[in-house]
């Protein structure tokens, strides 16, 4: 059973920055496609950013130019650097881990990000 644990959420003012981290207990982490999702109150969960095995990235239009997803395969860790945060970025952020070629998703418990003055 793969365990996924997020950290780094918190309260930040508009225009501020946060870095989320996600540690995955998978032997072959480097072969996982990784992604960050978020879910705001009353809304569906949405894809924020993803990073493939070859480290190619994909972003939601709403975060392009502000968020950066990255991975450190030596540390089994996924990151999300969030800059120029806006109140509409407020949500619970979830880390998703998917072994390449499968749909065997593993999810973390989520970390709350609140952007407010």
C-alpha atoms as a PDB file:
ATOM      1  CA  UNK A   1       0.000   0.000   0.000  1.00  0.00           C
ATOM      2  CA  UNK A   2       1.465   3.318  -1.107  1.00  0.00           C
ATOM      3  CA  UNK A   3       1.283   6.081   1.473  1.00  0.00           C
ATOM      4  CA  UNK A   4       1.070   9.705   0.403  1.00  0.00           C
ATOM      5  CA  UNK A   5       1.589  12.516   2.908  1.00  0.00           C
ATOM      6  CA  UNK A   6       1.246  16.217   2.109  1.00  0.00           C
ATOM      7  CA  UNK A   7       2.562  19.127   4.140  1.00  0.00           C
ATOM      8  CA  UNK A   8       3.211  22.843   3.832  1.00  0.00           C
ATOM      9  CA  UNK A   9      -0.272  24.319   3.790  1.00  0.00           C
ATOM     10  CA  UNK A  10      -1.301  27.303   5.871  1.00  0.00           C
ATOM     11  CA  UNK A  11      -2.665  30.823   5.934  1.00  0.00           C
ATOM     12  CA  UNK A  12      -1.044  33.379   3.653  1.00  0.00           C
ATOM     13  CA  UNK A  13      -1.908  36.885   2.512  1.00  0.00           C
ATOM     14  CA  UNK A  14      -2.783  37.613  -1.112  1.00  0.00           C
ATOM     15  CA  UNK A  15       0.399  37.932  -3.149  1.00  0.00           C
ATOM     16  CA  UNK A  16       2.284  35.640  -0.814  1.00  0.00           C
ATOM     17  CA  UNK A  17       3.948  32.295  -1.409  1.00  0.00           C
ATOM     18  CA  UNK A  18       3.809  28.752  -0.056  1.00  0.00           C
ATOM     19  CA  UNK A  19       5.567  25.514  -0.935  1.00  0.00           C
ATOM     20  CA  UNK A  20       3.715  22.261  -0.588  1.00  0.00           C
ATOM     21  CA  UNK A  21       5.517  18.949  -0.236  1.00  0.00           C
ATOM     22  CA  UNK A  22       4.329  15.390  -0.751  1.00  0.00           C
ATOM     23  CA  UNK A  23       6.288  12.328   0.370  1.00  0.00           C
ATOM     24  CA  UNK A  24       5.409   8.998  -1.244  1.00  0.00           C
ATOM     25  CA  UNK A  25       6.321   5.622   0.227  1.00  0.00           C
ATOM     26  CA  UNK A  26       6.832   3.871  -3.101  1.00  0.00           C
ATOM     27  CA  UNK A  27       9.867   1.822  -4.027  1.00  0.00           C
ATOM     28  CA  UNK A  28       9.762   2.937  -7.653  1.00  0.00           C
ATOM     29  CA  UNK A  29       8.648   6.552  -7.160  1.00  0.00           C
ATOM     30  CA  UNK A  30      10.580   7.620 -10.239  1.00  0.00           C
ATOM     31  CA  UNK A  31       8.116   5.638 -12.375  1.00  0.00           C
ATOM     32  CA  UNK A  32       5.069   7.407 -10.972  1.00  0.00           C
ATOM     33  CA  UNK A  33       3.147  10.205 -12.632  1.00  0.00           C
ATOM     34  CA  UNK A  34       2.501  12.744  -9.896  1.00  0.00           C
ATOM     35  CA  UNK A  35      -0.054  15.504  -9.614  1.00  0.00           C
ATOM     36  CA  UNK A  36      -1.537  18.126  -7.345  1.00  0.00           C
ATOM     37  CA  UNK A  37      -5.300  18.574  -7.172  1.00  0.00           C
ATOM     38  CA  UNK A  38      -7.359  20.991  -5.130  1.00  0.00           C
ATOM     39  CA  UNK A  39     -10.906  21.203  -3.898  1.00  0.00           C
ATOM     40  CA  UNK A  40     -12.552  24.387  -2.720  1.00  0.00           C
ATOM     41  CA  UNK A  41     -15.731  24.344  -0.608  1.00  0.00           C
ATOM     42  CA  UNK A  42     -18.745  23.515  -2.732  1.00  0.00           C
ATOM     43  CA  UNK A  43     -16.647  22.784  -5.809  1.00  0.00           C
ATOM     44  CA  UNK A  44     -15.365  19.676  -7.537  1.00  0.00           C
ATOM     45  CA  UNK A  45     -11.807  18.535  -7.171  1.00  0.00           C
ATOM     46  CA  UNK A  46      -9.691  19.941  -9.997  1.00  0.00           C
ATOM     47  CA  UNK A  47      -6.252  19.246 -11.413  1.00  0.00           C
ATOM     48  CA  UNK A  48      -3.735  21.958 -10.559  1.00  0.00           C
ATOM     49  CA  UNK A  49      -0.535  20.553 -12.038  1.00  0.00           C
ATOM     50  CA  UNK A  50       1.043  17.260 -13.016  1.00  0.00           C
ATOM     51  CA  UNK A  51       4.551  16.010 -13.701  1.00  0.00           C
ATOM     52  CA  UNK A  52       5.409  12.944 -15.705  1.00  0.00           C
ATOM     53  CA  UNK A  53       8.169  10.374 -15.328  1.00  0.00           C
ATOM     54  CA  UNK A  54      10.288  12.356 -17.810  1.00  0.00           C
ATOM     55  CA  UNK A  55       9.547  15.511 -15.735  1.00  0.00           C
ATOM     56  CA  UNK A  56       7.376  17.136 -18.375  1.00  0.00           C
ATOM     57  CA  UNK A  57       4.749  19.311 -16.702  1.00  0.00           C
ATOM     58  CA  UNK A  58       1.172  20.405 -17.198  1.00  0.00           C
ATOM     59  CA  UNK A  59      -0.712  23.215 -15.466  1.00  0.00           C
ATOM     60  CA  UNK A  60      -4.254  24.440 -15.107  1.00  0.00           C
ATOM     61  CA  UNK A  61      -4.697  27.757 -16.898  1.00  0.00           C
ATOM     62  CA  UNK A  62      -5.602  29.431 -13.615  1.00  0.00           C
ATOM     63  CA  UNK A  63      -2.149  28.763 -12.116  1.00  0.00           C
ATOM     64  CA  UNK A  64       0.158  29.032 -15.125  1.00  0.00           C
ATOM     65  CA  UNK A  65       3.016  31.406 -14.463  1.00  0.00           C
ATOM     66  CA  UNK A  66       2.385  31.371 -10.708  1.00  0.00           C
ATOM     67  CA  UNK A  67       2.778  27.734  -9.626  1.00  0.00           C
ATOM     68  CA  UNK A  68       5.663  25.370 -10.301  1.00  0.00           C
ATOM     69  CA  UNK A  69       5.518  21.605  -9.841  1.00  0.00           C
ATOM     70  CA  UNK A  70       8.718  19.640  -9.382  1.00  0.00           C
ATOM     71  CA  UNK A  71       9.933  16.303  -8.072  1.00  0.00           C
ATOM     72  CA  UNK A  72      13.003  14.934  -6.344  1.00  0.00           C
ATOM     73  CA  UNK A  73      13.165  11.236  -7.148  1.00  0.00           C
ATOM     74  CA  UNK A  74      16.045  10.693  -4.707  1.00  0.00           C
ATOM     75  CA  UNK A  75      13.778  11.855  -1.877  1.00  0.00           C
ATOM     76  CA  UNK A  76      10.495  10.377  -3.134  1.00  0.00           C
ATOM     77  CA  UNK A  77       9.088  13.888  -2.873  1.00  0.00           C
ATOM     78  CA  UNK A  78       6.815  16.060  -4.972  1.00  0.00           C
ATOM     79  CA  UNK A  79       6.661  19.833  -4.582  1.00  0.00           C
ATOM     80  CA  UNK A  80       4.340  22.655  -5.531  1.00  0.00           C
ATOM     81  CA  UNK A  81       5.784  26.154  -5.324  1.00  0.00           C
ATOM     82  CA  UNK A  82       2.913  28.623  -5.236  1.00  0.00           C
ATOM     83  CA  UNK A  83       3.639  32.316  -5.808  1.00  0.00           C
ATOM     84  CA  UNK A  84       1.404  35.357  -6.208  1.00  0.00           C
ATOM     85  CA  UNK A  85      -1.358  33.568  -4.344  1.00  0.00           C
ATOM     86  CA  UNK A  86      -4.915  34.755  -4.751  1.00  0.00           C
ATOM     87  CA  UNK A  87      -7.993  34.268  -2.542  1.00  0.00           C
ATOM     88  CA  UNK A  88      -9.411  31.968  -5.216  1.00  0.00           C
ATOM     89  CA  UNK A  89      -6.485  29.600  -4.624  1.00  0.00           C
ATOM     90  CA  UNK A  90      -7.992  28.784  -1.231  1.00  0.00           C
ATOM     91  CA  UNK A  91      -8.682  25.050  -1.133  1.00  0.00           C
ATOM     92  CA  UNK A  92      -7.578  21.726   0.234  1.00  0.00           C
ATOM     93  CA  UNK A  93      -4.658  20.565  -1.882  1.00  0.00           C
ATOM     94  CA  UNK A  94      -4.225  16.850  -2.533  1.00  0.00           C
ATOM     95  CA  UNK A  95      -1.259  14.910  -3.828  1.00  0.00           C
ATOM     96  CA  UNK A  96      -1.932  12.104  -6.309  1.00  0.00           C
ATOM     97  CA  UNK A  97       0.456   9.280  -7.165  1.00  0.00           C
ATOM     98  CA  UNK A  98      -0.122   6.984 -10.142  1.00  0.00           C
ATOM     99  CA  UNK A  99       2.258   4.240 -11.285  1.00  0.00           C
ATOM    100  CA  UNK A 100       3.038   4.586 -14.984  1.00  0.00           C
ATOM    101  CA  UNK A 101       0.632   2.711 -17.265  1.00  0.00           C
ATOM    102  CA  UNK A 102      -1.955   2.142 -14.553  1.00  0.00           C
ATOM    103  CA  UNK A 103      -4.907   3.894 -12.971  1.00  0.00           C
ATOM    104  CA  UNK A 104      -4.013   2.765  -9.462  1.00  0.00           C
ATOM    105  CA  UNK A 105      -4.250   6.173  -7.839  1.00  0.00           C
ATOM    106  CA  UNK A 106      -3.073   6.851  -4.314  1.00  0.00           C
ATOM    107  CA  UNK A 107      -4.137  10.026  -2.522  1.00  0.00           C
ATOM    108  CA  UNK A 108      -2.940  11.940   0.464  1.00  0.00           C
ATOM    109  CA  UNK A 109      -5.145  13.329   3.200  1.00  0.00           C
ATOM    110  CA  UNK A 110      -4.861  16.869   1.865  1.00  0.00           C
ATOM    111  CA  UNK A 111      -3.401  20.083   3.204  1.00  0.00           C
ATOM    112  CA  UNK A 112      -5.386  23.296   3.640  1.00  0.00           C
ATOM    113  CA  UNK A 113      -4.258  26.449   1.867  1.00  0.00           C
ATOM    114  CA  UNK A 114      -6.049  29.649   2.821  1.00  0.00           C
ATOM    115  CA  UNK A 115      -5.312  32.935   1.073  1.00  0.00           C
ATOM    116  CA  UNK A 116      -6.792  35.833   2.976  1.00  0.00           C
ATOM    117  CA  UNK A 117      -5.919  39.224   4.344  1.00  0.00           C
END
